[in-house]
Amino acid sequence: MNKINLQEKLALFNEHWTPKIVEELNDYQIKLVKIQGEFVWHEHADTDELFFVVEGEMEIEFEDHTMSLKAGEMCVVPKGVRHKPKAQDECKVMLIEPRGVVNTGEVEGELTAENDVWI
């Protein structure tokens, strides 16, 4: 059993769009990611994805609307829903998703991050 300080973990990396695992809960991974700019449209066919804003502000675009999230707010994106996260300024986010989920879903490209990186 470990106590985890999210701010200390976030200080360990600077890259954007590269989720880092800080803990596991059953078959779920708790990840931290720094985002800035726009991500790619994608979906996760088999799983929901939780976004919790630790610091900053972000938006998640959906096909029919855009959701704004500030520090302390969260959103669960249901499986199969196309979405595109973005942040004008750097935003620090905690993700909770099943082990092995690729950040870009079925889309592969320059923003596809290496999976299973622990800090």
PDB file of N, CA and C in Angstrom:
ATOM      1  N   MET A   1       0.848  -1.169   0.000  1.00  0.00           N
ATOM      2  CA  MET A   1       0.000   0.000   0.000  1.00  0.00           C
ATOM      3  C   MET A   1       0.899   1.238   0.000  1.00  0.00           C
ATOM      4  N   ASN A   2       0.658   2.121  -0.961  1.00  0.00           N
ATOM      5  CA  ASN A   2       1.493   3.311  -1.099  1.00  0.00           C
ATOM      6  C   ASN A   2       0.660   4.582  -1.065  1.00  0.00           C
ATOM      7  N   LYS A   3       1.238   5.621  -0.478  1.00  0.00           N
ATOM      8  CA  LYS A   3       0.651   6.953  -0.581  1.00  0.00           C
ATOM      9  C   LYS A   3       1.285   7.602  -1.806  1.00  0.00           C
ATOM     10  N   ILE A   4       0.455   8.195  -2.661  1.00  0.00           N
ATOM     11  CA  ILE A   4       0.958   8.795  -3.889  1.00  0.00           C
ATOM     12  C   ILE A   4       0.626  10.280  -3.890  1.00  0.00           C
ATOM     13  N   ASN A   5       1.643  11.099  -4.095  1.00  0.00           N
ATOM     14  CA  ASN A   5       1.466  12.538  -4.204  1.00  0.00           C
ATOM     15  C   ASN A   5       1.424  12.879  -5.691  1.00  0.00           C
ATOM     16  N   LEU A   6       0.264  13.288  -6.178  1.00  0.00           N
ATOM     17  CA  LEU A   6       0.105  13.548  -7.604  1.00  0.00           C
ATOM     18  C   LEU A   6       1.017  14.666  -8.096  1.00  0.00           C
ATOM     19  N   GLN A   7       1.205  15.714  -7.305  1.00  0.00           N
ATOM     20  CA  GLN A   7       2.072  16.824  -7.730  1.00  0.00           C
ATOM     21  C   GLN A   7       3.525  16.368  -7.868  1.00  0.00           C
ATOM     22  N   GLU A   8       3.980  15.516  -6.950  1.00  0.00           N
ATOM     23  CA  GLU A   8       5.344  14.989  -7.059  1.00  0.00           C
ATOM     24  C   GLU A   8       5.493  14.138  -8.312  1.00  0.00           C
ATOM     25  N   LYS A   9       4.515  13.318  -8.592  1.00  0.00           N
ATOM     26  CA  LYS A   9       4.560  12.475  -9.796  1.00  0.00           C
ATOM     27  C   LYS A   9       4.521  13.330 -11.059  1.00  0.00           C
ATOM     28  N   LEU A  10       3.678  14.359 -11.075  1.00  0.00           N
ATOM     29  CA  LEU A  10       3.586  15.234 -12.246  1.00  0.00           C
ATOM     30  C   LEU A  10       4.892  15.990 -12.501  1.00  0.00           C
ATOM     31  N   ALA A  11       5.674  16.223 -11.454  1.00  0.00           N
ATOM     32  CA  ALA A  11       6.953  16.927 -11.608  1.00  0.00           C
ATOM     33  C   ALA A  11       8.027  16.056 -12.257  1.00  0.00           C
ATOM     34  N   LEU A  12       7.760  14.766 -12.409  1.00  0.00           N
ATOM     35  CA  LEU A  12       8.756  13.843 -12.955  1.00  0.00           C
ATOM     36  C   LEU A  12       8.824  13.822 -14.478  1.00  0.00           C
ATOM     37  N   PHE A  13       7.884  14.473 -15.153  1.00  0.00           N
ATOM     38  CA  PHE A  13       7.918  14.473 -16.621  1.00  0.00           C
ATOM     39  C   PHE A  13       7.352  15.779 -17.160  1.00  0.00           C
ATOM     40  N   ASN A  14       7.731  16.091 -18.403  1.00  0.00           N
ATOM     41  CA  ASN A  14       7.298  17.339 -19.034  1.00  0.00           C
ATOM     42  C   ASN A  14       6.546  17.134 -20.336  1.00  0.00           C
ATOM     43  N   GLU A  15       6.628  15.943 -20.922  1.00  0.00           N
ATOM     44  CA  GLU A  15       6.032  15.695 -22.231  1.00  0.00           C
ATOM     45  C   GLU A  15       4.513  15.815 -22.165  1.00  0.00           C
ATOM     46  N   HIS A  16       3.943  16.252 -23.286  1.00  0.00           N
ATOM     47  CA  HIS A  16       2.486  16.312 -23.406  1.00  0.00           C
ATOM     48  C   HIS A  16       1.980  15.065 -24.121  1.00  0.00           C
ATOM     49  N   TRP A  17       0.775  14.649 -23.754  1.00  0.00           N
ATOM     50  CA  TRP A  17       0.060  13.533 -24.396  1.00  0.00           C
ATOM     51  C   TRP A  17       0.757  12.183 -24.207  1.00  0.00           C
ATOM     52  N   THR A  18       1.520  12.035 -23.118  1.00  0.00           N
ATOM     53  CA  THR A  18       2.195  10.762 -22.846  1.00  0.00           C
ATOM     54  C   THR A  18       1.799  10.270 -21.455  1.00  0.00           C
ATOM     55  N   PRO A  19       0.682   9.559 -21.338  1.00  0.00           N
ATOM     56  CA  PRO A  19       0.205   9.108 -20.031  1.00  0.00           C
ATOM     57  C   PRO A  19       1.231   8.239 -19.300  1.00  0.00           C
ATOM     58  N   LYS A  20       1.360   8.479 -18.002  1.00  0.00           N
ATOM     59  CA  LYS A  20       2.259   7.711 -17.138  1.00  0.00           C
ATOM     60  C   LYS A  20       1.424   7.039 -16.050  1.00  0.00           C
ATOM     61  N   ILE A  21       1.688   5.793 -15.792  1.00  0.00           N
ATOM     62  CA  ILE A  21       0.938   5.035 -14.787  1.00  0.00           C
ATOM     63  C   ILE A  21       1.518   5.317 -13.407  1.00  0.00           C
ATOM     64  N   VAL A  22       0.624   5.605 -12.446  1.00  0.00           N
ATOM     65  CA  VAL A  22       1.069   5.819 -11.068  1.00  0.00           C
ATOM     66  C   VAL A  22       0.583   4.725 -10.127  1.00  0.00           C
ATOM     67  N   GLU A  23      -0.454   3.986 -10.531  1.00  0.00           N
ATOM     68  CA  GLU A  23      -0.971   2.909  -9.673  1.00  0.00           C
ATOM     69  C   GLU A  23      -1.948   2.050 -10.461  1.00  0.00           C
ATOM     70  N   GLU A  24      -2.215   0.856  -9.939  1.00  0.00           N
ATOM     71  CA  GLU A  24      -3.230  -0.021 -10.516  1.00  0.00           C
ATOM     72  C   GLU A  24      -4.277  -0.343  -9.463  1.00  0.00           C
ATOM     73  N   LEU A  25      -5.489  -0.522  -9.923  1.00  0.00           N
ATOM     74  CA  LEU A  25      -6.620  -0.859  -9.071  1.00  0.00           C
ATOM     75  C   LEU A  25      -7.364  -1.978  -9.779  1.00  0.00           C
ATOM     76  N   ASN A  26      -7.235  -3.197  -9.290  1.00  0.00           N
ATOM     77  CA  ASN A  26      -7.758  -4.370  -9.986  1.00  0.00           C
ATOM     78  C   ASN A  26      -7.181  -4.375 -11.399  1.00  0.00           C
ATOM     79  N   ASP A  27      -7.988  -4.377 -12.423  1.00  0.00           N
ATOM     80  CA  ASP A  27      -7.477  -4.372 -13.800  1.00  0.00           C
ATOM     81  C   ASP A  27      -7.455  -2.969 -14.399  1.00  0.00           C
ATOM     82  N   TYR A  28      -7.568  -1.949 -13.560  1.00  0.00           N
ATOM     83  CA  TYR A  28      -7.562  -0.562 -14.028  1.00  0.00           C
ATOM     84  C   TYR A  28      -6.234   0.108 -13.696  1.00  0.00           C
ATOM     85  N   GLN A  29      -5.836   1.030 -14.556  1.00  0.00           N
ATOM     86  CA  GLN A  29      -4.634   1.810 -14.314  1.00  0.00           C
ATOM     87  C   GLN A  29      -5.017   3.264 -14.061  1.00  0.00           C
ATOM     88  N   ILE A  30      -4.320   3.858 -13.114  1.00  0.00           N
ATOM     89  CA  ILE A  30      -4.488   5.274 -12.817  1.00  0.00           C
ATOM     90  C   ILE A  30      -3.278   5.967 -13.426  1.00  0.00           C
ATOM     91  N   LYS A  31      -3.553   6.881 -14.368  1.00  0.00           N
ATOM     92  CA  LYS A  31      -2.488   7.508 -15.144  1.00  0.00           C
ATOM     93  C   LYS A  31      -2.530   9.018 -14.969  1.00  0.00           C
ATOM     94  N   LEU A  32      -1.371   9.633 -15.100  1.00  0.00           N
ATOM     95  CA  LEU A  32      -1.269  11.086 -15.137  1.00  0.00           C
ATOM     96  C   LEU A  32      -0.771  11.486 -16.514  1.00  0.00           C
ATOM     97  N   VAL A  33      -1.304  12.577 -17.025  1.00  0.00           N
ATOM     98  CA  VAL A  33      -0.895  13.072 -18.335  1.00  0.00           C
ATOM     99  C   VAL A  33      -0.958  14.593 -18.326  1.00  0.00           C
ATOM    100  N   LYS A  34      -0.017  15.201 -19.012  1.00  0.00           N
ATOM    101  CA  LYS A  34      -0.045  16.646 -19.237  1.00  0.00           C
ATOM    102  C   LYS A  34      -0.496  16.848 -20.676  1.00  0.00           C
ATOM    103  N   ILE A  35      -1.451  17.744 -20.864  1.00  0.00           N
ATOM    104  CA  ILE A  35      -1.950  17.981 -22.214  1.00  0.00           C
ATOM    105  C   ILE A  35      -1.844  19.458 -22.553  1.00  0.00           C
ATOM    106  N   GLN A  36      -1.631  19.723 -23.828  1.00  0.00           N
ATOM    107  CA  GLN A  36      -1.654  21.096 -24.337  1.00  0.00           C
ATOM    108  C   GLN A  36      -1.819  21.013 -25.843  1.00  0.00           C
ATOM    109  N   GLY A  37      -2.652  21.888 -26.382  1.00  0.00           N
ATOM    110  CA  GLY A  37      -2.965  21.827 -27.799  1.00  0.00           C
ATOM    111  C   GLY A  37      -4.113  20.852 -28.030  1.00  0.00           C
ATOM    112  N   GLU A  38      -4.225  20.383 -29.268  1.00  0.00           N
ATOM    113  CA  GLU A  38      -5.327  19.479 -29.617  1.00  0.00           C
ATOM    114  C   GLU A  38      -4.821  18.062 -29.793  1.00  0.00           C
ATOM    115  N   PHE A  39      -5.623  17.106 -29.367  1.00  0.00           N
ATOM    116  CA  PHE A  39      -5.338  15.688 -29.559  1.00  0.00           C
ATOM    117  C   PHE A  39      -5.999  15.264 -30.867  1.00  0.00           C
ATOM    118  N   VAL A  40      -6.171  13.985 -31.077  1.00  0.00           N
ATOM    119  CA  VAL A  40      -6.807  13.469 -32.293  1.00  0.00           C
ATOM    120  C   VAL A  40      -8.206  12.962 -31.957  1.00  0.00           C
ATOM    121  N   TRP A  41      -9.096  13.010 -32.939  1.00  0.00           N
ATOM    122  CA  TRP A  41     -10.398  12.378 -32.775  1.00  0.00           C
ATOM    123  C   TRP A  41     -10.165  10.879 -32.641  1.00  0.00           C
ATOM    124  N   HIS A  42     -10.783  10.273 -31.642  1.00  0.00           N
ATOM    125  CA  HIS A  42     -10.626   8.830 -31.449  1.00  0.00           C
ATOM    126  C   HIS A  42     -11.752   8.316 -30.561  1.00  0.00           C
ATOM    127  N   GLU A  43     -11.796   7.014 -30.420  1.00  0.00           N
ATOM    128  CA  GLU A  43     -12.750   6.373 -29.511  1.00  0.00           C
ATOM    129  C   GLU A  43     -12.114   5.113 -28.959  1.00  0.00           C
ATOM    130  N   HIS A  44     -12.683   4.628 -27.886  1.00  0.00           N
ATOM    131  CA  HIS A  44     -12.258   3.367 -27.285  1.00  0.00           C
ATOM    132  C   HIS A  44     -13.467   2.436 -27.366  1.00  0.00           C
ATOM    133  N   ALA A  45     -13.398   1.473 -28.263  1.00  0.00           N
ATOM    134  CA  ALA A  45     -14.552   0.629 -28.573  1.00  0.00           C
ATOM    135  C   ALA A  45     -15.016  -0.221 -27.395  1.00  0.00           C
ATOM    136  N   ASP A  46     -14.083  -0.611 -26.526  1.00  0.00           N
ATOM    137  CA  ASP A  46     -14.423  -1.586 -25.492  1.00  0.00           C
ATOM    138  C   ASP A  46     -14.426  -1.054 -24.068  1.00  0.00           C
ATOM    139  N   THR A  47     -14.180   0.235 -23.877  1.00  0.00           N
ATOM    140  CA  THR A  47     -14.087   0.716 -22.500  1.00  0.00           C
ATOM    141  C   THR A  47     -14.450   2.195 -22.360  1.00  0.00           C
ATOM    142  N   ASP A  48     -14.964   2.537 -21.196  1.00  0.00           N
ATOM    143  CA  ASP A  48     -15.160   3.930 -20.815  1.00  0.00           C
ATOM    144  C   ASP A  48     -13.792   4.510 -20.438  1.00  0.00           C
ATOM    145  N   GLU A  49     -13.712   5.839 -20.362  1.00  0.00           N
ATOM    146  CA  GLU A  49     -12.470   6.511 -19.992  1.00  0.00           C
ATOM    147  C   GLU A  49     -12.817   7.681 -19.073  1.00  0.00           C
ATOM    148  N   LEU A  50     -12.150   7.749 -17.920  1.00  0.00           N
ATOM    149  CA  LEU A  50     -12.407   8.817 -16.960  1.00  0.00           C
ATOM    150  C   LEU A  50     -11.307   9.870 -17.049  1.00  0.00           C
ATOM    151  N   PHE A  51     -11.712  11.135 -17.193  1.00  0.00           N
ATOM    152  CA  PHE A  51     -10.806  12.285 -17.166  1.00  0.00           C
ATOM    153  C   PHE A  51     -11.093  13.063 -15.888  1.00  0.00           C
ATOM    154  N   PHE A  52     -10.080  13.272 -15.037  1.00  0.00           N
ATOM    155  CA  PHE A  52     -10.200  14.100 -13.838  1.00  0.00           C
ATOM    156  C   PHE A  52      -9.136  15.189 -13.932  1.00  0.00           C
ATOM    157  N   VAL A  53      -9.555  16.446 -13.960  1.00  0.00           N
ATOM    158  CA  VAL A  53      -8.608  17.555 -14.092  1.00  0.00           C
ATOM    159  C   VAL A  53      -7.990  17.853 -12.726  1.00  0.00           C
ATOM    160  N   VAL A  54      -6.679  17.663 -12.646  1.00  0.00           N
ATOM    161  CA  VAL A  54      -5.929  17.928 -11.424  1.00  0.00           C
ATOM    162  C   VAL A  54      -5.582  19.414 -11.333  1.00  0.00           C
ATOM    163  N   GLU A  55      -5.158  19.976 -12.469  1.00  0.00           N
ATOM    164  CA  GLU A  55      -4.751  21.384 -12.495  1.00  0.00           C
ATOM    165  C   GLU A  55      -4.957  21.926 -13.904  1.00  0.00           C
ATOM    166  N   GLY A  56      -5.522  23.121 -13.999  1.00  0.00           N
ATOM    167  CA  GLY A  56      -5.728  23.750 -15.295  1.00  0.00           C
ATOM    168  C   GLY A  56      -7.146  23.579 -15.805  1.00  0.00           C
ATOM    169  N   GLU A  57      -7.296  23.786 -17.108  1.00  0.00           N
ATOM    170  CA  GLU A  57      -8.599  23.667 -17.761  1.00  0.00           C
ATOM    171  C   GLU A  57      -8.426  22.943 -19.084  1.00  0.00           C
ATOM    172  N   MET A  58      -9.434  22.173 -19.459  1.00  0.00           N
ATOM    173  CA  MET A  58      -9.414  21.461 -20.731  1.00  0.00           C
ATOM    174  C   MET A  58     -10.813  21.413 -21.306  1.00  0.00           C
ATOM    175  N   GLU A  59     -10.884  21.029 -22.558  1.00  0.00           N
ATOM    176  CA  GLU A  59     -12.167  20.773 -23.200  1.00  0.00           C
ATOM    177  C   GLU A  59     -12.108  19.393 -23.832  1.00  0.00           C
ATOM    178  N   ILE A  60     -13.260  18.749 -23.898  1.00  0.00           N
ATOM    179  CA  ILE A  60     -13.389  17.506 -24.649  1.00  0.00           C
ATOM    180  C   ILE A  60     -14.455  17.749 -25.699  1.00  0.00           C
ATOM    181  N   GLU A  61     -14.048  17.670 -26.957  1.00  0.00           N
ATOM    182  CA  GLU A  61     -15.001  17.828 -28.054  1.00  0.00           C
ATOM    183  C   GLU A  61     -15.658  16.486 -28.322  1.00  0.00           C
ATOM    184  N   PHE A  62     -16.966  16.533 -28.505  1.00  0.00           N
ATOM    185  CA  PHE A  62     -17.742  15.379 -28.937  1.00  0.00           C
ATOM    186  C   PHE A  62     -18.363  15.749 -30.277  1.00  0.00           C
ATOM    187  N   GLU A  63     -18.961  14.801 -30.952  1.00  0.00           N
ATOM    188  CA  GLU A  63     -19.514  15.098 -32.269  1.00  0.00           C
ATOM    189  C   GLU A  63     -20.637  16.128 -32.210  1.00  0.00           C
ATOM    190  N   ASP A  64     -21.359  16.210 -31.073  1.00  0.00           N
ATOM    191  CA  ASP A  64     -22.503  17.115 -31.003  1.00  0.00           C
ATOM    192  C   ASP A  64     -22.379  18.236 -29.969  1.00  0.00           C
ATOM    193  N   HIS A  65     -21.282  18.258 -29.206  1.00  0.00           N
ATOM    194  CA  HIS A  65     -21.082  19.330 -28.231  1.00  0.00           C
ATOM    195  C   HIS A  65     -19.646  19.308 -27.702  1.00  0.00           C
ATOM    196  N   THR A  66     -19.299  20.340 -26.943  1.00  0.00           N
ATOM    197  CA  THR A  66     -17.987  20.433 -26.301  1.00  0.00           C
ATOM    198  C   THR A  66     -18.203  20.605 -24.806  1.00  0.00           C
ATOM    199  N   MET A  67     -17.429  19.852 -24.008  1.00  0.00           N
ATOM    200  CA  MET A  67     -17.523  19.940 -22.550  1.00  0.00           C
ATOM    201  C   MET A  67     -16.255  20.598 -22.006  1.00  0.00           C
ATOM    202  N   SER A  68     -16.420  21.598 -21.158  1.00  0.00           N
ATOM    203  CA  SER A  68     -15.290  22.260 -20.502  1.00  0.00           C
ATOM    204  C   SER A  68     -15.124  21.685 -19.107  1.00  0.00           C
ATOM    205  N   LEU A  69     -13.878  21.438 -18.718  1.00  0.00           N
ATOM    206  CA  LEU A  69     -13.572  20.909 -17.393  1.00  0.00           C
ATOM    207  C   LEU A  69     -12.487  21.758 -16.749  1.00  0.00           C
ATOM    208  N   LYS A  70     -12.680  22.082 -15.454  1.00  0.00           N
ATOM    209  CA  LYS A  70     -11.701  22.826 -14.674  1.00  0.00           C
ATOM    210  C   LYS A  70     -11.167  21.925 -13.568  1.00  0.00           C
ATOM    211  N   ALA A  71     -10.130  22.387 -12.885  1.00  0.00           N
ATOM    212  CA  ALA A  71      -9.533  21.627 -11.790  1.00  0.00           C
ATOM    213  C   ALA A  71     -10.614  21.172 -10.813  1.00  0.00           C
ATOM    214  N   GLY A  72     -10.567  19.901 -10.461  1.00  0.00           N
ATOM    215  CA  GLY A  72     -11.540  19.327  -9.541  1.00  0.00           C
ATOM    216  C   GLY A  72     -12.759  18.739 -10.221  1.00  0.00           C
ATOM    217  N   GLU A  73     -12.870  18.902 -11.546  1.00  0.00           N
ATOM    218  CA  GLU A  73     -14.016  18.355 -12.281  1.00  0.00           C
ATOM    219  C   GLU A  73     -13.589  17.132 -13.081  1.00  0.00           C
ATOM    220  N   MET A  74     -14.573  16.274 -13.374  1.00  0.00           N
ATOM    221  CA  MET A  74     -14.279  15.057 -14.118  1.00  0.00           C
ATOM    222  C   MET A  74     -15.391  14.718 -15.083  1.00  0.00           C
ATOM    223  N   CYS A  75     -15.064  13.834 -16.014  1.00  0.00           N
ATOM    224  CA  CYS A  75     -16.021  13.372 -17.013  1.00  0.00           C
ATOM    225  C   CYS A  75     -15.684  11.930 -17.362  1.00  0.00           C
ATOM    226  N   VAL A  76     -16.706  11.106 -17.493  1.00  0.00           N
ATOM    227  CA  VAL A  76     -16.524   9.746 -17.994  1.00  0.00           C
ATOM    228  C   VAL A  76     -17.018   9.725 -19.432  1.00  0.00           C
ATOM    229  N   VAL A  77     -16.118   9.392 -20.356  1.00  0.00           N
ATOM    230  CA  VAL A  77     -16.478   9.261 -21.765  1.00  0.00           C
ATOM    231  C   VAL A  77     -16.870   7.802 -21.987  1.00  0.00           C
ATOM    232  N   PRO A  78     -18.124   7.540 -22.352  1.00  0.00           N
ATOM    233  CA  PRO A  78     -18.567   6.153 -22.549  1.00  0.00           C
ATOM    234  C   PRO A  78     -17.848   5.478 -23.715  1.00  0.00           C
ATOM    235  N   LYS A  79     -17.735   4.171 -23.618  1.00  0.00           N
ATOM    236  CA  LYS A  79     -17.085   3.425 -24.698  1.00  0.00           C
ATOM    237  C   LYS A  79     -17.806   3.678 -26.015  1.00  0.00           C
ATOM    238  N   GLY A  80     -17.016   3.730 -27.078  1.00  0.00           N
ATOM    239  CA  GLY A  80     -17.569   3.921 -28.405  1.00  0.00           C
ATOM    240  C   GLY A  80     -17.903   5.351 -28.776  1.00  0.00           C
ATOM    241  N   VAL A  81     -17.693   6.315 -27.871  1.00  0.00           N
ATOM    242  CA  VAL A  81     -18.017   7.718 -28.158  1.00  0.00           C
ATOM    243  C   VAL A  81     -16.757   8.430 -28.670  1.00  0.00           C
ATOM    244  N   ARG A  82     -16.850   8.967 -29.896  1.00  0.00           N
ATOM    245  CA  ARG A  82     -15.724   9.718 -30.464  1.00  0.00           C
ATOM    246  C   ARG A  82     -15.534  11.010 -29.679  1.00  0.00           C
ATOM    247  N   HIS A  83     -14.271  11.304 -29.390  1.00  0.00           N
ATOM    248  CA  HIS A  83     -13.963  12.505 -28.626  1.00  0.00           C
ATOM    249  C   HIS A  83     -12.566  13.009 -28.975  1.00  0.00           C
ATOM    250  N   LYS A  84     -12.339  14.283 -28.648  1.00  0.00           N
ATOM    251  CA  LYS A  84     -11.038  14.907 -28.898  1.00  0.00           C
ATOM    252  C   LYS A  84     -10.728  15.860 -27.748  1.00  0.00           C
ATOM    253  N   PRO A  85      -9.826  15.452 -26.842  1.00  0.00           N
ATOM    254  CA  PRO A  85      -9.412  16.346 -25.763  1.00  0.00           C
ATOM    255  C   PRO A  85      -8.526  17.471 -26.304  1.00  0.00           C
ATOM    256  N   LYS A  86      -8.576  18.616 -25.625  1.00  0.00           N
ATOM    257  CA  LYS A  86      -7.695  19.722 -25.991  1.00  0.00           C
ATOM    258  C   LYS A  86      -7.572  20.674 -24.813  1.00  0.00           C
ATOM    259  N   ALA A  87      -6.485  21.445 -24.821  1.00  0.00           N
ATOM    260  CA  ALA A  87      -6.258  22.449 -23.780  1.00  0.00           C
ATOM    261  C   ALA A  87      -5.438  23.579 -24.375  1.00  0.00           C
ATOM    262  N   GLN A  88      -5.895  24.796 -24.189  1.00  0.00           N
ATOM    263  CA  GLN A  88      -5.156  25.953 -24.701  1.00  0.00           C
ATOM    264  C   GLN A  88      -3.827  26.093 -23.966  1.00  0.00           C
ATOM    265  N   ASP A  89      -3.867  26.021 -22.646  1.00  0.00           N
ATOM    266  CA  ASP A  89      -2.665  26.059 -21.817  1.00  0.00           C
ATOM    267  C   ASP A  89      -2.466  24.676 -21.215  1.00  0.00           C
ATOM    268  N   GLU A  90      -1.279  24.424 -20.691  1.00  0.00           N
ATOM    269  CA  GLU A  90      -1.013  23.099 -20.128  1.00  0.00           C
ATOM    270  C   GLU A  90      -2.037  22.750 -19.051  1.00  0.00           C
ATOM    271  N   CYS A  91      -2.523  21.533 -19.115  1.00  0.00           N
ATOM    272  CA  CYS A  91      -3.503  21.016 -18.162  1.00  0.00           C
ATOM    273  C   CYS A  91      -3.006  19.661 -17.675  1.00  0.00           C
ATOM    274  N   LYS A  92      -3.158  19.407 -16.389  1.00  0.00           N
ATOM    275  CA  LYS A  92      -2.706  18.149 -15.790  1.00  0.00           C
ATOM    276  C   LYS A  92      -3.933  17.315 -15.447  1.00  0.00           C
ATOM    277  N   VAL A  93      -3.942  16.089 -15.955  1.00  0.00           N
ATOM    278  CA  VAL A  93      -5.137  15.255 -15.905  1.00  0.00           C
ATOM    279  C   VAL A  93      -4.802  13.875 -15.349  1.00  0.00           C
ATOM    280  N   MET A  94      -5.721  13.331 -14.558  1.00  0.00           N
ATOM    281  CA  MET A  94      -5.642  11.942 -14.138  1.00  0.00           C
ATOM    282  C   MET A  94      -6.646  11.154 -14.969  1.00  0.00           C
ATOM    283  N   LEU A  95      -6.185  10.052 -15.535  1.00  0.00           N
ATOM    284  CA  LEU A  95      -7.039   9.154 -16.307  1.00  0.00           C
ATOM    285  C   LEU A  95      -7.205   7.856 -15.541  1.00  0.00           C
ATOM    286  N   ILE A  96      -8.383   7.275 -15.622  1.00  0.00           N
ATOM    287  CA  ILE A  96      -8.598   5.940 -15.072  1.00  0.00           C
ATOM    288  C   ILE A  96      -9.218   5.111 -16.177  1.00  0.00           C
ATOM    289  N   GLU A  97      -8.520   4.034 -16.535  1.00  0.00           N
ATOM    290  CA  GLU A  97      -8.968   3.183 -17.631  1.00  0.00           C
ATOM    291  C   GLU A  97      -8.366   1.793 -17.468  1.00  0.00           C
ATOM    292  N   PRO A  98      -8.942   0.783 -18.123  1.00  0.00           N
ATOM    293  CA  PRO A  98      -8.413  -0.571 -17.990  1.00  0.00           C
ATOM    294  C   PRO A  98      -6.968  -0.681 -18.480  1.00  0.00           C
ATOM    295  N   ARG A  99      -6.249  -1.607 -17.892  1.00  0.00           N
ATOM    296  CA  ARG A  99      -4.876  -1.877 -18.292  1.00  0.00           C
ATOM    297  C   ARG A  99      -4.815  -2.143 -19.799  1.00  0.00           C
ATOM    298  N   GLY A 100      -3.832  -1.550 -20.451  1.00  0.00           N
ATOM    299  CA  GLY A 100      -3.608  -1.814 -21.865  1.00  0.00           C
ATOM    300  C   GLY A 100      -4.294  -0.876 -22.833  1.00  0.00           C
ATOM    301  N   VAL A 101      -5.090   0.064 -22.343  1.00  0.00           N
ATOM    302  CA  VAL A 101      -5.780   0.995 -23.243  1.00  0.00           C
ATOM    303  C   VAL A 101      -4.755   1.926 -23.895  1.00  0.00           C
ATOM    304  N   VAL A 102      -4.839   2.053 -25.208  1.00  0.00           N
ATOM    305  CA  VAL A 102      -3.949   2.935 -25.967  1.00  0.00           C
ATOM    306  C   VAL A 102      -4.572   4.329 -26.005  1.00  0.00           C
ATOM    307  N   ASN A 103      -3.757   5.355 -25.795  1.00  0.00           N
ATOM    308  CA  ASN A 103      -4.292   6.717 -25.654  1.00  0.00           C
ATOM    309  C   ASN A 103      -5.054   7.210 -26.880  1.00  0.00           C
ATOM    310  N   THR A 104      -4.713   6.721 -28.064  1.00  0.00           N
ATOM    311  CA  THR A 104      -5.392   7.167 -29.282  1.00  0.00           C
ATOM    312  C   THR A 104      -6.451   6.177 -29.757  1.00  0.00           C
ATOM    313  N   GLY A 105      -6.806   5.215 -28.916  1.00  0.00           N
ATOM    314  CA  GLY A 105      -7.821   4.235 -29.305  1.00  0.00           C
ATOM    315  C   GLY A 105      -7.371   3.443 -30.514  1.00  0.00           C
ATOM    316  N   GLU A 106      -8.227   3.398 -31.539  1.00  0.00           N
ATOM    317  CA  GLU A 106      -7.926   2.636 -32.757  1.00  0.00           C
ATOM    318  C   GLU A 106      -7.078   3.435 -33.745  1.00  0.00           C
ATOM    319  N   VAL A 107      -6.863   4.713 -33.469  1.00  0.00           N
ATOM    320  CA  VAL A 107      -6.111   5.581 -34.375  1.00  0.00           C
ATOM    321  C   VAL A 107      -4.634   5.534 -33.990  1.00  0.00           C
ATOM    322  N   GLU A 108      -3.763   5.254 -34.958  1.00  0.00           N
ATOM    323  CA  GLU A 108      -2.330   5.285 -34.685  1.00  0.00           C
ATOM    324  C   GLU A 108      -1.711   6.471 -35.398  1.00  0.00           C
ATOM    325  N   GLY A 109      -0.794   7.145 -34.714  1.00  0.00           N
ATOM    326  CA  GLY A 109      -0.150   8.305 -35.308  1.00  0.00           C
ATOM    327  C   GLY A 109       0.940   8.829 -34.403  1.00  0.00           C
ATOM    328  N   GLU A 110       1.383  10.045 -34.667  1.00  0.00           N
ATOM    329  CA  GLU A 110       2.501  10.604 -33.910  1.00  0.00           C
ATOM    330  C   GLU A 110       2.158  10.860 -32.447  1.00  0.00           C
ATOM    331  N   LEU A 111       0.878  10.952 -32.103  1.00  0.00           N
ATOM    332  CA  LEU A 111       0.489  11.167 -30.701  1.00  0.00           C
ATOM    333  C   LEU A 111       0.201   9.865 -29.956  1.00  0.00           C
ATOM    334  N   THR A 112       0.311   8.728 -30.640  1.00  0.00           N
ATOM    335  CA  THR A 112       0.131   7.442 -29.962  1.00  0.00           C
ATOM    336  C   THR A 112       1.315   7.249 -29.021  1.00  0.00           C
ATOM    337  N   ALA A 113       1.028   7.120 -27.733  1.00  0.00           N
ATOM    338  CA  ALA A 113       2.085   7.024 -26.724  1.00  0.00           C
ATOM    339  C   ALA A 113       2.406   5.569 -26.416  1.00  0.00           C
ATOM    340  N   GLU A 114       3.638   5.365 -25.969  1.00  0.00           N
ATOM    341  CA  GLU A 114       4.036   4.041 -25.496  1.00  0.00           C
ATOM    342  C   GLU A 114       3.141   3.691 -24.315  1.00  0.00           C
ATOM    343  N   ASN A 115       2.679   2.469 -24.295  1.00  0.00           N
ATOM    344  CA  ASN A 115       1.765   2.043 -23.247  1.00  0.00           C
ATOM    345  C   ASN A 115       2.549   1.421 -22.093  1.00  0.00           C
ATOM    346  N   ASP A 116       1.974   1.436 -20.915  1.00  0.00           N
ATOM    347  CA  ASP A 116       2.530   0.755 -19.749  1.00  0.00           C
ATOM    348  C   ASP A 116       3.823   1.385 -19.232  1.00  0.00           C
ATOM    349  N   VAL A 117       3.898   2.722 -19.245  1.00  0.00           N
ATOM    350  CA  VAL A 117       5.057   3.429 -18.699  1.00  0.00           C
ATOM    351  C   VAL A 117       4.712   3.895 -17.288  1.00  0.00           C
ATOM    352  N   TRP A 118       5.479   3.407 -16.311  1.00  0.00           N
ATOM    353  CA  TRP A 118       5.257   3.737 -14.897  1.00  0.00           C
ATOM    354  C   TRP A 118       6.187   4.857 -14.441  1.00  0.00           C
ATOM    355  N   ILE A 119       5.681   5.684 -13.525  1.00  0.00           N
ATOM    356  CA  ILE A 119       6.542   6.657 -12.837  1.00  0.00           C
ATOM    357  C   ILE A 119       6.321   6.507 -11.346  1.00  0.00           C
TER     358      ILE A 119
END
